[in-house]
N, C-alpha and C. Protein backbone atom coordinates (compact mmCIF):
# COMPACT_ATOMS: atom_id res chain seq x y z
N MET A 1 -48.38 59.80 -31.39
CA MET A 1 -46.99 59.96 -30.96
C MET A 1 -46.20 58.71 -31.31
N GLY A 2 -45.02 58.88 -31.89
CA GLY A 2 -44.23 57.74 -32.33
C GLY A 2 -43.45 57.07 -31.22
N ARG A 3 -42.73 56.03 -31.59
CA ARG A 3 -41.94 55.26 -30.63
C ARG A 3 -40.44 55.36 -30.95
N TYR A 4 -39.98 56.54 -31.37
CA TYR A 4 -38.58 56.72 -31.67
C TYR A 4 -37.74 56.52 -30.40
N GLY A 5 -36.64 55.79 -30.54
CA GLY A 5 -35.77 55.55 -29.40
C GLY A 5 -36.18 54.37 -28.54
N SER A 6 -37.32 53.76 -28.84
CA SER A 6 -37.77 52.60 -28.08
C SER A 6 -36.95 51.37 -28.46
N LYS A 7 -37.12 50.31 -27.71
CA LYS A 7 -36.41 49.07 -28.02
C LYS A 7 -36.85 48.53 -29.38
N LEU A 8 -38.14 48.65 -29.67
CA LEU A 8 -38.64 48.20 -30.97
C LEU A 8 -37.96 48.99 -32.08
N ASP A 9 -37.82 50.28 -31.90
CA ASP A 9 -37.15 51.12 -32.89
C ASP A 9 -35.71 50.66 -33.09
N GLU A 10 -35.01 50.36 -32.01
CA GLU A 10 -33.62 49.92 -32.10
C GLU A 10 -33.51 48.57 -32.80
N LEU A 11 -34.43 47.66 -32.49
CA LEU A 11 -34.44 46.35 -33.15
C LEU A 11 -34.68 46.51 -34.65
N ASN A 12 -35.63 47.36 -35.00
CA ASN A 12 -35.98 47.55 -36.40
C ASN A 12 -34.87 48.28 -37.16
N ILE A 13 -34.17 49.19 -36.49
CA ILE A 13 -33.01 49.85 -37.11
C ILE A 13 -31.93 48.82 -37.41
N GLY A 14 -31.71 47.90 -36.47
CA GLY A 14 -30.74 46.83 -36.69
C GLY A 14 -31.12 45.98 -37.89
N LEU A 15 -32.42 45.65 -38.00
CA LEU A 15 -32.90 44.89 -39.15
C LEU A 15 -32.70 45.70 -40.43
N CYS A 16 -32.99 47.00 -40.36
CA CYS A 16 -32.83 47.88 -41.51
C CYS A 16 -31.40 47.86 -42.03
N LYS A 17 -30.43 47.91 -41.13
CA LYS A 17 -29.02 47.89 -41.53
C LYS A 17 -28.65 46.58 -42.22
N ALA A 18 -29.15 45.47 -41.68
CA ALA A 18 -28.88 44.16 -42.29
C ALA A 18 -29.51 44.07 -43.67
N LEU A 19 -30.72 44.58 -43.80
CA LEU A 19 -31.41 44.59 -45.10
C LEU A 19 -30.69 45.48 -46.10
N TYR A 20 -30.18 46.61 -45.63
CA TYR A 20 -29.47 47.52 -46.52
C TYR A 20 -28.22 46.85 -47.09
N LEU A 21 -27.45 46.18 -46.23
CA LEU A 21 -26.26 45.47 -46.70
C LEU A 21 -26.63 44.36 -47.68
N ALA A 22 -27.70 43.64 -47.37
CA ALA A 22 -28.15 42.57 -48.25
C ALA A 22 -28.56 43.13 -49.61
N SER A 23 -29.27 44.25 -49.60
CA SER A 23 -29.71 44.87 -50.84
C SER A 23 -28.52 45.33 -51.68
N GLU A 24 -27.54 45.95 -51.05
CA GLU A 24 -26.36 46.42 -51.76
C GLU A 24 -25.56 45.25 -52.33
N ASN A 25 -25.45 44.18 -51.56
CA ASN A 25 -24.71 43.00 -52.03
C ASN A 25 -25.40 42.33 -53.21
N LEU A 26 -26.73 42.24 -53.15
CA LEU A 26 -27.46 41.63 -54.25
C LEU A 26 -27.41 42.51 -55.49
N ASP A 27 -27.47 43.82 -55.31
CA ASP A 27 -27.35 44.75 -56.45
C ASP A 27 -25.99 44.62 -57.13
N LEU A 28 -24.94 44.49 -56.32
CA LEU A 28 -23.59 44.36 -56.87
C LEU A 28 -23.45 43.06 -57.65
N TYR A 29 -23.97 41.98 -57.07
CA TYR A 29 -23.96 40.69 -57.76
C TYR A 29 -24.71 40.78 -59.08
N LYS A 30 -25.85 41.46 -59.06
CA LYS A 30 -26.71 41.58 -60.23
C LYS A 30 -26.06 42.36 -61.36
N ILE A 31 -25.51 43.53 -61.06
CA ILE A 31 -24.98 44.38 -62.12
C ILE A 31 -23.75 43.75 -62.78
N ILE A 32 -22.97 43.00 -62.01
CA ILE A 32 -21.83 42.29 -62.60
C ILE A 32 -22.32 41.16 -63.50
N ALA A 33 -23.34 40.43 -63.03
CA ALA A 33 -23.89 39.34 -63.84
C ALA A 33 -24.48 39.85 -65.15
N LEU A 34 -25.19 40.97 -65.08
CA LEU A 34 -25.84 41.51 -66.27
C LEU A 34 -24.85 42.01 -67.31
N ASN A 35 -23.69 42.45 -66.87
CA ASN A 35 -22.71 43.04 -67.77
C ASN A 35 -21.46 42.17 -67.89
N ALA A 36 -21.63 40.87 -67.63
CA ALA A 36 -20.50 39.94 -67.66
C ALA A 36 -19.88 39.83 -69.05
N GLY A 37 -20.71 39.97 -70.08
CA GLY A 37 -20.19 39.87 -71.45
C GLY A 37 -19.15 40.94 -71.72
N PHE A 38 -19.45 42.19 -71.39
CA PHE A 38 -18.50 43.28 -71.59
C PHE A 38 -17.26 43.08 -70.74
N ILE A 39 -17.45 42.67 -69.50
CA ILE A 39 -16.32 42.47 -68.58
C ILE A 39 -15.38 41.39 -69.12
N LYS A 40 -15.98 40.33 -69.66
CA LYS A 40 -15.17 39.24 -70.21
C LYS A 40 -14.40 39.69 -71.44
N ILE A 41 -15.05 40.44 -72.32
CA ILE A 41 -14.41 40.92 -73.54
C ILE A 41 -13.26 41.87 -73.21
N ARG A 42 -13.48 42.72 -72.22
CA ARG A 42 -12.45 43.69 -71.85
C ARG A 42 -11.20 42.99 -71.33
N GLY A 43 -11.39 41.87 -70.66
CA GLY A 43 -10.28 41.00 -70.31
C GLY A 43 -9.53 41.35 -69.05
N ARG A 44 -8.87 42.48 -69.03
CA ARG A 44 -7.95 42.77 -67.94
C ARG A 44 -8.61 42.85 -66.56
N SER A 45 -9.85 43.24 -66.51
CA SER A 45 -10.52 43.43 -65.22
C SER A 45 -11.45 42.27 -64.84
N LYS A 46 -11.51 41.23 -65.68
CA LYS A 46 -12.51 40.19 -65.45
C LYS A 46 -12.28 39.43 -64.15
N ASN A 47 -11.02 39.19 -63.79
CA ASN A 47 -10.74 38.46 -62.55
C ASN A 47 -11.15 39.28 -61.32
N PHE A 48 -10.95 40.58 -61.41
CA PHE A 48 -11.36 41.47 -60.32
C PHE A 48 -12.87 41.42 -60.13
N PHE A 49 -13.63 41.58 -61.22
CA PHE A 49 -15.08 41.59 -61.11
C PHE A 49 -15.63 40.23 -60.68
N ALA A 50 -15.01 39.17 -61.15
CA ALA A 50 -15.44 37.83 -60.75
C ALA A 50 -15.26 37.63 -59.25
N HIS A 51 -14.15 38.15 -58.73
CA HIS A 51 -13.89 38.02 -57.30
C HIS A 51 -14.88 38.86 -56.49
N ILE A 52 -15.12 40.07 -56.94
CA ILE A 52 -16.06 40.95 -56.24
C ILE A 52 -17.47 40.36 -56.26
N GLN A 53 -17.86 39.78 -57.38
CA GLN A 53 -19.18 39.16 -57.48
C GLN A 53 -19.32 37.99 -56.51
N LYS A 54 -18.27 37.20 -56.40
CA LYS A 54 -18.28 36.06 -55.46
C LYS A 54 -18.39 36.55 -54.02
N LEU A 55 -17.65 37.58 -53.68
CA LEU A 55 -17.72 38.14 -52.33
C LEU A 55 -19.12 38.69 -52.03
N ALA A 56 -19.72 39.35 -53.03
CA ALA A 56 -21.06 39.91 -52.85
C ALA A 56 -22.09 38.81 -52.62
N LEU A 57 -21.96 37.71 -53.37
CA LEU A 57 -22.90 36.60 -53.21
C LEU A 57 -22.74 35.93 -51.85
N ASP A 58 -21.49 35.71 -51.44
CA ASP A 58 -21.24 35.11 -50.12
C ASP A 58 -21.83 35.98 -49.01
N ALA A 59 -21.62 37.29 -49.14
CA ALA A 59 -22.14 38.21 -48.13
C ALA A 59 -23.66 38.19 -48.10
N PHE A 60 -24.29 38.10 -49.28
CA PHE A 60 -25.75 38.07 -49.35
C PHE A 60 -26.29 36.81 -48.67
N VAL A 61 -25.63 35.69 -48.88
CA VAL A 61 -26.04 34.44 -48.23
C VAL A 61 -26.05 34.61 -46.71
N ILE A 62 -24.99 35.19 -46.18
CA ILE A 62 -24.91 35.43 -44.74
C ILE A 62 -25.99 36.41 -44.30
N ASP A 63 -26.20 37.46 -45.09
CA ASP A 63 -27.21 38.47 -44.76
C ASP A 63 -28.60 37.85 -44.62
N ILE A 64 -28.98 37.03 -45.58
CA ILE A 64 -30.32 36.42 -45.55
C ILE A 64 -30.47 35.52 -44.34
N CYS A 65 -29.46 34.75 -44.04
CA CYS A 65 -29.52 33.87 -42.86
C CYS A 65 -29.67 34.70 -41.59
N LYS A 66 -29.00 35.84 -41.51
CA LYS A 66 -29.09 36.71 -40.34
C LYS A 66 -30.48 37.31 -40.20
N ILE A 67 -31.04 37.78 -41.30
CA ILE A 67 -32.33 38.48 -41.28
C ILE A 67 -33.46 37.59 -40.77
N TYR A 68 -33.41 36.30 -41.11
CA TYR A 68 -34.49 35.39 -40.75
C TYR A 68 -34.15 34.48 -39.56
N GLU A 69 -33.04 34.72 -38.91
CA GLU A 69 -32.60 33.86 -37.81
C GLU A 69 -33.52 33.99 -36.59
N LYS A 70 -33.86 32.87 -36.00
CA LYS A 70 -34.74 32.87 -34.83
C LYS A 70 -33.99 33.22 -33.55
N GLY A 71 -32.75 32.80 -33.45
CA GLY A 71 -31.97 33.11 -32.27
C GLY A 71 -32.15 32.09 -31.18
N GLY A 72 -31.39 32.28 -30.10
CA GLY A 72 -31.46 31.36 -28.97
C GLY A 72 -31.63 32.13 -27.67
N GLY A 73 -30.57 32.14 -26.86
CA GLY A 73 -30.64 32.80 -25.58
C GLY A 73 -30.26 34.26 -25.60
N TYR A 74 -30.19 34.86 -26.78
CA TYR A 74 -29.82 36.26 -26.90
C TYR A 74 -30.68 36.91 -27.98
N GLU A 75 -30.85 38.20 -27.87
CA GLU A 75 -31.72 38.92 -28.80
C GLU A 75 -30.99 39.28 -30.08
N LEU A 76 -31.73 39.28 -31.17
CA LEU A 76 -31.17 39.58 -32.48
C LEU A 76 -32.03 40.63 -33.17
N ASN A 77 -31.42 41.32 -34.13
CA ASN A 77 -32.17 42.28 -34.95
C ASN A 77 -32.75 41.56 -36.17
N THR A 78 -33.69 40.68 -35.93
CA THR A 78 -34.23 39.84 -36.99
C THR A 78 -35.75 39.90 -37.00
N ILE A 79 -36.33 39.40 -38.08
CA ILE A 79 -37.79 39.40 -38.19
C ILE A 79 -38.45 38.58 -37.08
N PRO A 80 -38.02 37.33 -36.84
CA PRO A 80 -38.64 36.55 -35.76
C PRO A 80 -38.51 37.21 -34.39
N GLN A 81 -37.37 37.86 -34.12
CA GLN A 81 -37.16 38.49 -32.82
C GLN A 81 -38.04 39.73 -32.65
N ILE A 82 -38.25 40.47 -33.72
CA ILE A 82 -39.14 41.63 -33.65
C ILE A 82 -40.57 41.19 -33.39
N LEU A 83 -40.98 40.11 -34.03
CA LEU A 83 -42.32 39.57 -33.77
C LEU A 83 -42.45 39.12 -32.31
N ALA A 84 -41.41 38.49 -31.80
CA ALA A 84 -41.42 38.03 -30.41
C ALA A 84 -41.51 39.23 -29.45
N HIS A 85 -40.80 40.30 -29.77
CA HIS A 85 -40.84 41.50 -28.94
C HIS A 85 -42.23 42.14 -28.95
N LEU A 86 -42.83 42.21 -30.14
CA LEU A 86 -44.18 42.76 -30.23
C LEU A 86 -45.17 41.96 -29.40
N GLN A 87 -45.03 40.65 -29.45
CA GLN A 87 -45.94 39.79 -28.69
C GLN A 87 -45.72 39.95 -27.19
N LYS A 88 -44.47 40.04 -26.80
CA LYS A 88 -44.15 40.17 -25.37
C LYS A 88 -44.67 41.49 -24.80
N GLU A 89 -44.47 42.57 -25.53
CA GLU A 89 -44.84 43.89 -25.04
C GLU A 89 -46.29 44.26 -25.34
N GLN A 90 -46.94 43.49 -26.23
CA GLN A 90 -48.34 43.77 -26.60
C GLN A 90 -48.53 45.23 -27.03
N LEU A 91 -47.66 45.67 -27.92
CA LEU A 91 -47.70 47.05 -28.38
C LEU A 91 -48.86 47.27 -29.35
N GLU A 92 -49.57 48.36 -29.16
CA GLU A 92 -50.67 48.71 -30.04
C GLU A 92 -50.13 49.44 -31.27
N PRO A 93 -50.58 49.09 -32.46
CA PRO A 93 -50.10 49.78 -33.67
C PRO A 93 -50.63 51.19 -33.78
N ILE A 94 -49.83 52.05 -34.38
CA ILE A 94 -50.23 53.43 -34.64
C ILE A 94 -51.11 53.49 -35.89
N ALA A 95 -50.76 52.65 -36.87
CA ALA A 95 -51.49 52.63 -38.15
C ALA A 95 -51.80 51.18 -38.52
N PRO A 96 -52.85 50.59 -37.94
CA PRO A 96 -53.16 49.17 -38.16
C PRO A 96 -53.49 48.81 -39.61
N LYS A 97 -53.99 49.77 -40.39
CA LYS A 97 -54.33 49.45 -41.78
C LYS A 97 -53.11 49.04 -42.59
N LEU A 98 -51.93 49.55 -42.22
CA LEU A 98 -50.70 49.19 -42.92
C LEU A 98 -50.33 47.73 -42.64
N ILE A 99 -50.72 47.24 -41.49
CA ILE A 99 -50.51 45.82 -41.17
C ILE A 99 -51.44 44.98 -42.04
N ASP A 100 -52.68 45.43 -42.19
CA ASP A 100 -53.63 44.74 -43.07
C ASP A 100 -53.06 44.60 -44.48
N THR A 101 -52.48 45.68 -44.98
CA THR A 101 -51.93 45.69 -46.34
C THR A 101 -50.81 44.68 -46.47
N PHE A 102 -49.92 44.62 -45.48
CA PHE A 102 -48.81 43.66 -45.49
C PHE A 102 -49.33 42.23 -45.48
N ILE A 103 -50.30 41.97 -44.62
CA ILE A 103 -50.85 40.62 -44.50
C ILE A 103 -51.57 40.20 -45.78
N GLN A 104 -52.32 41.11 -46.37
CA GLN A 104 -53.00 40.80 -47.63
C GLN A 104 -51.99 40.47 -48.74
N LYS A 105 -50.91 41.23 -48.79
CA LYS A 105 -49.90 41.03 -49.84
C LYS A 105 -49.29 39.65 -49.77
N TYR A 106 -49.08 39.15 -48.57
CA TYR A 106 -48.39 37.86 -48.42
C TYR A 106 -49.32 36.70 -48.09
N GLY A 107 -50.60 36.89 -48.37
CA GLY A 107 -51.51 35.75 -48.39
C GLY A 107 -52.20 35.41 -47.10
N GLY A 108 -52.09 36.24 -46.10
CA GLY A 108 -52.76 35.93 -44.85
C GLY A 108 -54.14 36.56 -44.76
N GLU A 109 -54.89 36.18 -43.75
CA GLU A 109 -56.19 36.79 -43.51
C GLU A 109 -56.00 38.13 -42.82
N LEU A 110 -57.01 38.99 -42.94
CA LEU A 110 -56.97 40.26 -42.23
C LEU A 110 -56.98 40.01 -40.72
N PRO A 111 -56.18 40.78 -39.98
CA PRO A 111 -56.11 40.53 -38.53
C PRO A 111 -57.35 41.00 -37.79
N GLU A 112 -57.72 40.23 -36.80
CA GLU A 112 -58.78 40.66 -35.90
C GLU A 112 -58.17 41.67 -34.92
N PRO A 113 -58.96 42.56 -34.37
CA PRO A 113 -58.42 43.60 -33.50
C PRO A 113 -57.56 43.09 -32.35
N ASP A 114 -57.89 41.92 -31.81
CA ASP A 114 -57.15 41.39 -30.65
C ASP A 114 -56.15 40.31 -31.03
N ALA A 115 -55.83 40.17 -32.31
CA ALA A 115 -54.93 39.07 -32.71
C ALA A 115 -53.98 39.49 -33.82
N ILE A 116 -53.56 40.74 -33.82
CA ILE A 116 -52.72 41.23 -34.90
C ILE A 116 -51.38 40.50 -34.95
N ILE A 117 -50.73 40.35 -33.80
CA ILE A 117 -49.41 39.71 -33.77
C ILE A 117 -49.51 38.25 -34.19
N GLU A 118 -50.56 37.57 -33.76
CA GLU A 118 -50.74 36.18 -34.16
C GLU A 118 -50.90 36.07 -35.67
N ARG A 119 -51.64 37.00 -36.27
CA ARG A 119 -51.82 36.99 -37.73
C ARG A 119 -50.49 37.22 -38.44
N LEU A 120 -49.70 38.13 -37.90
CA LEU A 120 -48.38 38.38 -38.49
C LEU A 120 -47.49 37.14 -38.38
N LYS A 121 -47.57 36.46 -37.26
CA LYS A 121 -46.78 35.24 -37.08
C LYS A 121 -47.23 34.14 -38.04
N VAL A 122 -48.53 34.09 -38.31
CA VAL A 122 -49.05 33.12 -39.29
C VAL A 122 -48.49 33.42 -40.67
N VAL A 123 -48.49 34.69 -41.05
CA VAL A 123 -47.95 35.08 -42.36
C VAL A 123 -46.48 34.72 -42.45
N MET A 124 -45.74 34.96 -41.36
CA MET A 124 -44.32 34.62 -41.33
C MET A 124 -44.11 33.11 -41.49
N ARG A 125 -44.93 32.33 -40.80
CA ARG A 125 -44.82 30.87 -40.90
C ARG A 125 -45.15 30.39 -42.31
N MET A 126 -46.18 30.99 -42.91
CA MET A 126 -46.56 30.63 -44.28
C MET A 126 -45.43 30.93 -45.25
N PHE A 127 -44.83 32.11 -45.11
CA PHE A 127 -43.74 32.51 -46.01
C PHE A 127 -42.53 31.60 -45.82
N THR A 128 -42.21 31.31 -44.59
CA THR A 128 -41.06 30.45 -44.29
C THR A 128 -41.28 29.03 -44.81
N LYS A 129 -42.48 28.52 -44.62
CA LYS A 129 -42.79 27.17 -45.09
C LYS A 129 -42.74 27.09 -46.61
N LYS A 130 -43.29 28.11 -47.27
CA LYS A 130 -43.31 28.15 -48.73
C LYS A 130 -41.90 28.18 -49.31
N ASN A 131 -40.98 28.80 -48.59
CA ASN A 131 -39.61 28.94 -49.07
C ASN A 131 -38.62 28.09 -48.27
N LYS A 132 -39.13 27.05 -47.66
CA LYS A 132 -38.32 26.20 -46.79
C LYS A 132 -37.08 25.66 -47.50
N SER A 133 -37.25 25.18 -48.71
CA SER A 133 -36.11 24.60 -49.44
C SER A 133 -35.07 25.66 -49.77
N HIS A 134 -35.52 26.90 -50.01
CA HIS A 134 -34.59 27.98 -50.32
C HIS A 134 -33.78 28.39 -49.09
N PHE A 135 -34.47 28.50 -47.96
CA PHE A 135 -33.75 28.82 -46.72
C PHE A 135 -32.75 27.73 -46.38
N LYS A 136 -33.14 26.49 -46.65
CA LYS A 136 -32.24 25.36 -46.40
C LYS A 136 -30.99 25.47 -47.26
N SER A 137 -31.16 25.90 -48.52
CA SER A 137 -30.02 26.06 -49.42
C SER A 137 -29.08 27.15 -48.93
N PHE A 138 -29.63 28.26 -48.47
CA PHE A 138 -28.80 29.34 -47.96
C PHE A 138 -28.00 28.89 -46.74
N LYS A 139 -28.65 28.19 -45.83
CA LYS A 139 -27.97 27.73 -44.62
C LYS A 139 -26.90 26.68 -44.96
N TYR A 140 -27.20 25.85 -45.96
CA TYR A 140 -26.23 24.84 -46.39
C TYR A 140 -24.94 25.51 -46.87
N VAL A 141 -25.09 26.50 -47.75
CA VAL A 141 -23.92 27.19 -48.30
C VAL A 141 -23.19 27.96 -47.22
N ARG A 142 -23.95 28.62 -46.34
CA ARG A 142 -23.33 29.38 -45.25
C ARG A 142 -22.50 28.48 -44.35
N ASP A 143 -23.09 27.36 -43.92
CA ASP A 143 -22.45 26.50 -42.93
C ASP A 143 -21.33 25.64 -43.51
N LYS A 144 -21.53 25.11 -44.71
CA LYS A 144 -20.61 24.12 -45.24
C LYS A 144 -19.56 24.68 -46.21
N ILE A 145 -19.79 25.92 -46.71
CA ILE A 145 -18.85 26.47 -47.69
C ILE A 145 -18.26 27.81 -47.25
N ILE A 146 -19.12 28.72 -46.76
CA ILE A 146 -18.62 30.04 -46.38
C ILE A 146 -17.98 30.02 -45.00
N ALA A 147 -18.71 29.53 -44.00
CA ALA A 147 -18.17 29.50 -42.63
C ALA A 147 -17.14 28.40 -42.46
N HIS A 148 -17.29 27.30 -43.18
CA HIS A 148 -16.37 26.17 -43.11
C HIS A 148 -16.08 25.69 -44.53
N SER A 149 -15.08 24.88 -44.65
CA SER A 149 -14.75 24.30 -45.96
C SER A 149 -14.93 22.78 -45.88
N GLU A 150 -16.19 22.38 -45.97
CA GLU A 150 -16.50 20.97 -45.78
C GLU A 150 -16.23 20.17 -47.06
N PHE A 151 -15.56 19.06 -46.90
CA PHE A 151 -15.25 18.20 -48.03
C PHE A 151 -16.54 17.68 -48.68
N GLY A 152 -16.61 17.78 -50.00
CA GLY A 152 -17.75 17.26 -50.74
C GLY A 152 -18.93 18.21 -50.82
N ALA A 153 -18.85 19.38 -50.20
CA ALA A 153 -19.97 20.34 -50.27
C ALA A 153 -20.04 20.93 -51.67
N TYR A 154 -21.25 21.14 -52.17
CA TYR A 154 -21.43 21.66 -53.52
C TYR A 154 -21.95 23.09 -53.46
N GLU A 155 -21.25 24.00 -54.15
CA GLU A 155 -21.55 25.42 -54.02
C GLU A 155 -22.69 25.89 -54.92
N ASP A 156 -23.05 25.10 -55.93
CA ASP A 156 -24.07 25.54 -56.89
C ASP A 156 -25.48 25.17 -56.43
N SER A 157 -25.71 25.21 -55.13
CA SER A 157 -27.01 24.80 -54.60
C SER A 157 -27.92 25.98 -54.28
N LEU A 158 -27.47 27.19 -54.55
CA LEU A 158 -28.29 28.36 -54.23
C LEU A 158 -29.44 28.52 -55.21
N PRO A 159 -30.56 29.11 -54.76
CA PRO A 159 -31.71 29.33 -55.66
C PRO A 159 -31.43 30.45 -56.65
N SER A 160 -32.38 30.70 -57.53
CA SER A 160 -32.23 31.71 -58.58
C SER A 160 -32.22 33.13 -58.01
N TYR A 161 -31.84 34.08 -58.87
CA TYR A 161 -31.85 35.49 -58.47
C TYR A 161 -33.26 35.92 -58.06
N ASP A 162 -34.27 35.48 -58.77
CA ASP A 162 -35.65 35.84 -58.45
C ASP A 162 -36.02 35.45 -57.03
N VAL A 163 -35.58 34.27 -56.61
CA VAL A 163 -35.85 33.81 -55.25
C VAL A 163 -35.09 34.68 -54.24
N MET A 164 -33.83 34.96 -54.54
CA MET A 164 -33.05 35.82 -53.65
C MET A 164 -33.74 37.17 -53.46
N GLU A 165 -34.21 37.74 -54.55
CA GLU A 165 -34.88 39.03 -54.50
C GLU A 165 -36.17 38.94 -53.70
N LYS A 166 -36.91 37.85 -53.86
CA LYS A 166 -38.17 37.66 -53.15
C LYS A 166 -37.95 37.61 -51.64
N LEU A 167 -36.93 36.89 -51.20
CA LEU A 167 -36.64 36.80 -49.77
C LEU A 167 -36.21 38.15 -49.21
N LEU A 168 -35.46 38.89 -49.99
CA LEU A 168 -35.04 40.23 -49.58
C LEU A 168 -36.23 41.18 -49.48
N LEU A 169 -37.10 41.16 -50.49
CA LEU A 169 -38.24 42.09 -50.53
C LEU A 169 -39.23 41.83 -49.40
N PHE A 170 -39.40 40.59 -49.00
CA PHE A 170 -40.26 40.30 -47.85
C PHE A 170 -39.70 41.00 -46.61
N GLY A 171 -38.39 40.89 -46.43
CA GLY A 171 -37.75 41.53 -45.29
C GLY A 171 -37.91 43.04 -45.33
N ILE A 172 -37.73 43.63 -46.50
CA ILE A 172 -37.88 45.08 -46.65
C ILE A 172 -39.31 45.52 -46.36
N ASP A 173 -40.27 44.77 -46.88
CA ASP A 173 -41.68 45.09 -46.63
C ASP A 173 -42.02 44.97 -45.14
N PHE A 174 -41.44 43.96 -44.49
CA PHE A 174 -41.68 43.77 -43.05
C PHE A 174 -41.11 44.94 -42.26
N TYR A 175 -39.87 45.28 -42.55
CA TYR A 175 -39.23 46.42 -41.86
C TYR A 175 -40.05 47.70 -42.05
N SER A 176 -40.46 47.98 -43.30
CA SER A 176 -41.22 49.19 -43.61
C SER A 176 -42.56 49.20 -42.90
N MET A 177 -43.21 48.04 -42.84
CA MET A 177 -44.50 47.94 -42.17
C MET A 177 -44.35 48.21 -40.67
N ILE A 178 -43.35 47.64 -40.04
CA ILE A 178 -43.11 47.86 -38.61
C ILE A 178 -42.83 49.34 -38.35
N HIS A 179 -42.02 49.94 -39.21
CA HIS A 179 -41.66 51.35 -39.02
C HIS A 179 -42.90 52.25 -39.10
N ARG A 180 -43.71 52.05 -40.13
CA ARG A 180 -44.88 52.91 -40.32
C ARG A 180 -46.00 52.59 -39.32
N ALA A 181 -46.22 51.30 -39.07
CA ALA A 181 -47.38 50.89 -38.27
C ALA A 181 -47.15 51.00 -36.77
N TYR A 182 -45.89 50.84 -36.32
CA TYR A 182 -45.64 50.81 -34.88
C TYR A 182 -44.75 51.94 -34.37
N ILE A 183 -43.87 52.46 -35.21
CA ILE A 183 -42.91 53.47 -34.77
C ILE A 183 -43.30 54.86 -35.23
N GLY A 184 -43.70 54.96 -36.49
CA GLY A 184 -44.10 56.24 -37.05
C GLY A 184 -43.00 56.84 -37.92
N GLY A 185 -43.41 57.63 -38.90
CA GLY A 185 -42.43 58.26 -39.79
C GLY A 185 -42.25 57.49 -41.08
N VAL A 186 -41.24 57.89 -41.83
CA VAL A 186 -40.98 57.34 -43.16
C VAL A 186 -39.78 56.39 -43.11
N PRO A 187 -39.93 55.14 -43.54
CA PRO A 187 -38.81 54.20 -43.52
C PRO A 187 -37.82 54.48 -44.64
N VAL A 188 -36.70 53.78 -44.60
CA VAL A 188 -35.68 53.91 -45.64
C VAL A 188 -36.25 53.45 -46.98
N ASP A 189 -35.97 54.21 -48.03
CA ASP A 189 -36.41 53.85 -49.38
C ASP A 189 -35.29 53.09 -50.07
N TYR A 190 -35.41 51.78 -50.11
CA TYR A 190 -34.35 50.94 -50.67
C TYR A 190 -34.24 51.08 -52.18
N LYS A 191 -35.33 51.47 -52.82
CA LYS A 191 -35.30 51.62 -54.28
C LYS A 191 -34.50 52.86 -54.69
N ARG A 192 -34.49 53.86 -53.81
CA ARG A 192 -33.81 55.10 -54.15
C ARG A 192 -32.33 55.08 -53.77
N ASP A 193 -32.03 54.54 -52.61
CA ASP A 193 -30.68 54.62 -52.06
C ASP A 193 -29.87 53.39 -52.45
N LYS A 194 -29.35 53.39 -53.66
CA LYS A 194 -28.57 52.26 -54.17
C LYS A 194 -27.15 52.73 -54.49
N ARG A 195 -26.41 53.07 -53.46
CA ARG A 195 -25.11 53.69 -53.65
C ARG A 195 -24.09 52.75 -54.31
N VAL A 196 -24.05 51.51 -53.86
CA VAL A 196 -23.09 50.56 -54.43
C VAL A 196 -23.43 50.28 -55.89
N PHE A 197 -24.70 50.10 -56.18
CA PHE A 197 -25.14 49.85 -57.55
C PHE A 197 -24.75 51.01 -58.46
N HIS A 198 -25.01 52.23 -58.02
CA HIS A 198 -24.68 53.41 -58.83
C HIS A 198 -23.17 53.57 -59.00
N SER A 199 -22.42 53.24 -57.95
CA SER A 199 -20.96 53.32 -58.05
C SER A 199 -20.43 52.30 -59.04
N ALA A 200 -20.98 51.08 -59.01
CA ALA A 200 -20.55 50.04 -59.95
C ALA A 200 -20.90 50.42 -61.38
N ARG A 201 -22.07 51.02 -61.55
CA ARG A 201 -22.48 51.48 -62.88
C ARG A 201 -21.52 52.55 -63.41
N THR A 202 -21.14 53.48 -62.56
CA THR A 202 -20.20 54.52 -62.95
C THR A 202 -18.85 53.92 -63.33
N LEU A 203 -18.40 52.94 -62.57
CA LEU A 203 -17.12 52.28 -62.86
C LEU A 203 -17.15 51.59 -64.22
N LEU A 204 -18.24 50.90 -64.52
CA LEU A 204 -18.36 50.23 -65.81
C LEU A 204 -18.37 51.23 -66.96
N LYS A 205 -19.02 52.37 -66.74
CA LYS A 205 -19.01 53.42 -67.77
C LYS A 205 -17.60 53.98 -67.96
N ASP A 206 -16.87 54.16 -66.87
CA ASP A 206 -15.50 54.66 -66.95
C ASP A 206 -14.59 53.67 -67.68
N LEU A 207 -14.95 52.40 -67.62
CA LEU A 207 -14.17 51.37 -68.31
C LEU A 207 -14.52 51.27 -69.79
N GLY A 208 -15.56 52.00 -70.22
CA GLY A 208 -15.88 52.05 -71.64
C GLY A 208 -17.22 51.48 -72.04
N LEU A 209 -18.02 51.02 -71.09
CA LEU A 209 -19.34 50.47 -71.41
C LEU A 209 -20.36 51.60 -71.44
N LYS A 210 -20.84 51.95 -72.62
CA LYS A 210 -21.75 53.09 -72.78
C LYS A 210 -23.14 52.80 -72.23
N ASP A 211 -23.66 51.62 -72.53
CA ASP A 211 -25.01 51.25 -72.10
C ASP A 211 -24.93 50.14 -71.07
N VAL A 212 -24.85 50.51 -69.82
CA VAL A 212 -24.78 49.53 -68.73
C VAL A 212 -26.14 48.88 -68.56
N LYS A 213 -26.19 47.57 -68.59
CA LYS A 213 -27.45 46.85 -68.39
C LYS A 213 -27.77 46.81 -66.91
N GLU A 214 -28.99 47.20 -66.54
CA GLU A 214 -29.36 47.32 -65.13
C GLU A 214 -30.46 46.37 -64.69
N ASP A 215 -31.17 45.75 -65.63
CA ASP A 215 -32.26 44.85 -65.25
C ASP A 215 -32.27 43.62 -66.15
N PHE A 216 -32.74 42.52 -65.59
CA PHE A 216 -32.88 41.29 -66.36
C PHE A 216 -34.02 41.44 -67.37
N ASP A 217 -33.91 40.75 -68.48
CA ASP A 217 -34.98 40.76 -69.48
C ASP A 217 -36.20 40.07 -68.93
N ASP A 218 -37.38 40.53 -69.32
CA ASP A 218 -38.63 39.91 -68.87
C ASP A 218 -38.81 38.52 -69.48
């Protein structure tokens, strides 16, 4: 029996929504970057696309900071808060093997039957530590450039697209694992539901670009 409507379900739905916005923002940033040559040549719309790309990047920075935020005296729909809730409630997983798969993917040891949450927290700490400098860059841009306009702050401090995608995919994998392992049912398929990306692709085709580039070269 699943846990639909539970507090864990509500927390994970909140995380899902934040991840969805982050995914759409990164997709929008990506498709504009990939097709910047055509946009520049076309001329008349380049300022519009440049502005939209900047807004998408700023939004993604905020999204990532929200998804991994630890919080203070209030609850958040974030990865650390979901882990804290699991530990507090000592919820038993419906499908523990899916937790094993997640932990194996991100470099942790297989969980012992009585220490699943601790193993997940170890994996989270390992991932956070490995990407510490990247998270620091996101928070720097969020605090000093997006939320405030601090004198002397430098905006070109963000990591590469590959890093942005990696941080997003960890969050998506975590959300999906929680949904399948603790709540039950099928999680949102982020690879299929790319409405903003598909809309941007259609717009570029309407502007005259026959072969819209959708992925970076290997």
